[in-house]
Protein backbone atom coordinates (compact mmCIF):
# COMPACT_ATOMS: atom_id res chain seq x y z
CA MET A 1 0.00 0.00 0.00
CA VAL A 2 1.37 3.40 -0.99
CA PRO A 3 1.20 6.03 1.75
CA THR A 4 -0.52 9.23 0.71
CA ALA A 5 -0.17 12.68 2.21
CA THR A 6 -3.13 14.25 3.96
CA SER A 7 -4.53 17.53 2.65
CA PHE A 8 -2.91 19.23 5.65
CA GLU A 9 0.50 17.76 4.76
CA GLN A 10 0.05 18.86 1.15
CA ALA A 11 -0.87 22.39 2.28
CA VAL A 12 2.19 22.78 4.52
CA LYS A 13 4.40 21.43 1.73
CA GLU A 14 2.97 23.92 -0.78
CA LEU A 15 3.43 26.73 1.75
CA LYS A 16 6.99 25.48 2.45
CA LEU A 17 6.43 25.49 6.20
CA GLN A 18 8.36 23.71 8.92
CA PRO A 19 6.43 22.46 12.00
CA ASP A 20 7.71 25.36 14.13
CA GLN A 21 6.17 27.79 11.59
CA TYR A 22 2.65 26.31 11.48
CA LEU A 23 1.19 28.36 14.33
CA ARG A 24 2.52 31.71 13.03
CA SER A 25 1.51 31.15 9.39
CA LYS A 26 -1.42 33.37 8.39
CA ARG A 27 -1.85 31.46 5.13
CA LEU A 28 -2.03 28.08 6.90
CA ARG A 29 -4.45 29.50 9.48
CA GLU A 30 -6.73 30.74 6.68
CA TRP A 31 -6.52 27.35 4.91
CA ALA A 32 -7.41 25.65 8.20
CA ARG A 33 -10.36 28.00 8.82
CA ARG A 34 -11.79 27.16 5.39
CA ASN A 35 -11.18 23.42 5.73
CA LYS A 36 -11.57 22.70 9.46
CA ASN A 37 -14.80 20.73 9.03
CA SER A 38 -13.76 18.67 6.04
CA LYS A 39 -9.99 18.05 6.24
CA PHE A 40 -7.63 16.65 8.84
CA ILE A 41 -5.97 19.44 10.82
CA PRO A 42 -4.08 18.69 14.03
CA GLU A 43 -6.36 19.35 17.00
CA SER A 44 -3.59 21.27 18.78
CA LEU A 45 -3.51 23.84 15.94
CA LEU A 46 -7.30 24.17 15.88
CA GLN A 47 -7.30 24.79 19.62
CA ALA A 48 -4.38 27.25 19.46
CA TRP A 49 -6.18 29.24 16.76
CA GLY A 50 -9.48 29.12 18.66
CA PHE A 51 -11.32 27.14 15.97
CA GLY A 52 -14.09 24.76 16.91
CA THR A 53 -14.82 21.72 14.81
CA ALA A 54 -18.11 20.27 13.60
CA GLN A 55 -17.78 17.41 16.10
CA SER A 56 -17.53 19.82 19.03
CA LEU A 57 -21.00 21.24 18.42
CA PRO A 58 -23.47 19.67 20.89
CA ASN A 59 -25.76 17.01 19.43
CA ARG A 60 -24.84 17.88 15.85
CA ILE A 61 -22.06 16.50 13.71
CA LEU A 62 -21.47 16.49 10.01
CA ILE A 63 -21.32 13.07 8.46
CA LEU A 64 -19.89 12.38 5.03
CA THR A 65 -22.28 10.05 3.23
CA ARG A 66 -22.05 9.20 -0.44
CA GLY A 67 -20.11 12.37 -1.12
CA ASN A 68 -22.72 14.63 0.49
CA LEU A 69 -22.79 16.20 3.92
CA ARG A 70 -25.84 15.67 6.10
CA ARG A 71 -26.53 16.71 9.67
CA ALA A 72 -27.16 14.12 12.34
CA LYS A 73 -29.14 15.09 15.43
CA LYS A 74 -27.33 12.65 17.69
CA PRO A 75 -23.61 11.97 17.79
CA VAL A 76 -22.47 8.74 16.19
CA ARG A 77 -21.13 6.35 18.77
CA PRO A 78 -18.52 3.68 18.02
CA VAL A 79 -19.93 0.20 17.54
CA SER A 80 -19.20 -2.06 20.50
CA GLY A 81 -18.78 -5.81 20.37
CA LYS A 82 -22.49 -6.29 21.11
CA ARG A 83 -25.08 -6.58 18.36
CA ALA A 84 -27.64 -3.80 18.28
CA LYS A 85 -31.29 -4.81 18.57
CA THR A 86 -33.11 -4.18 15.33
CA GLY A 87 -36.66 -4.80 16.58
CA THR A 88 -37.06 -7.77 14.23
CA GLU A 89 -35.44 -10.29 16.56
């Protein structure tokens, strides 16, 4: 399997930034503001810049489904080892 760079890694490469420059970069901060709900951005940078994420909003998260974004009223919880009751059992 060939490793691929994340969008964040591609952005910092294009901006020619070193890790110690991320926090001070106005261009990276603007990129992160535009992409914070759809791209991976290190949580520590989001917090340092004061950006919230879609998952931090109470009882609402954005879920990517079939290429479209839809809003869910309840947070998605990880599936445990137990089978969920479907009502048909």
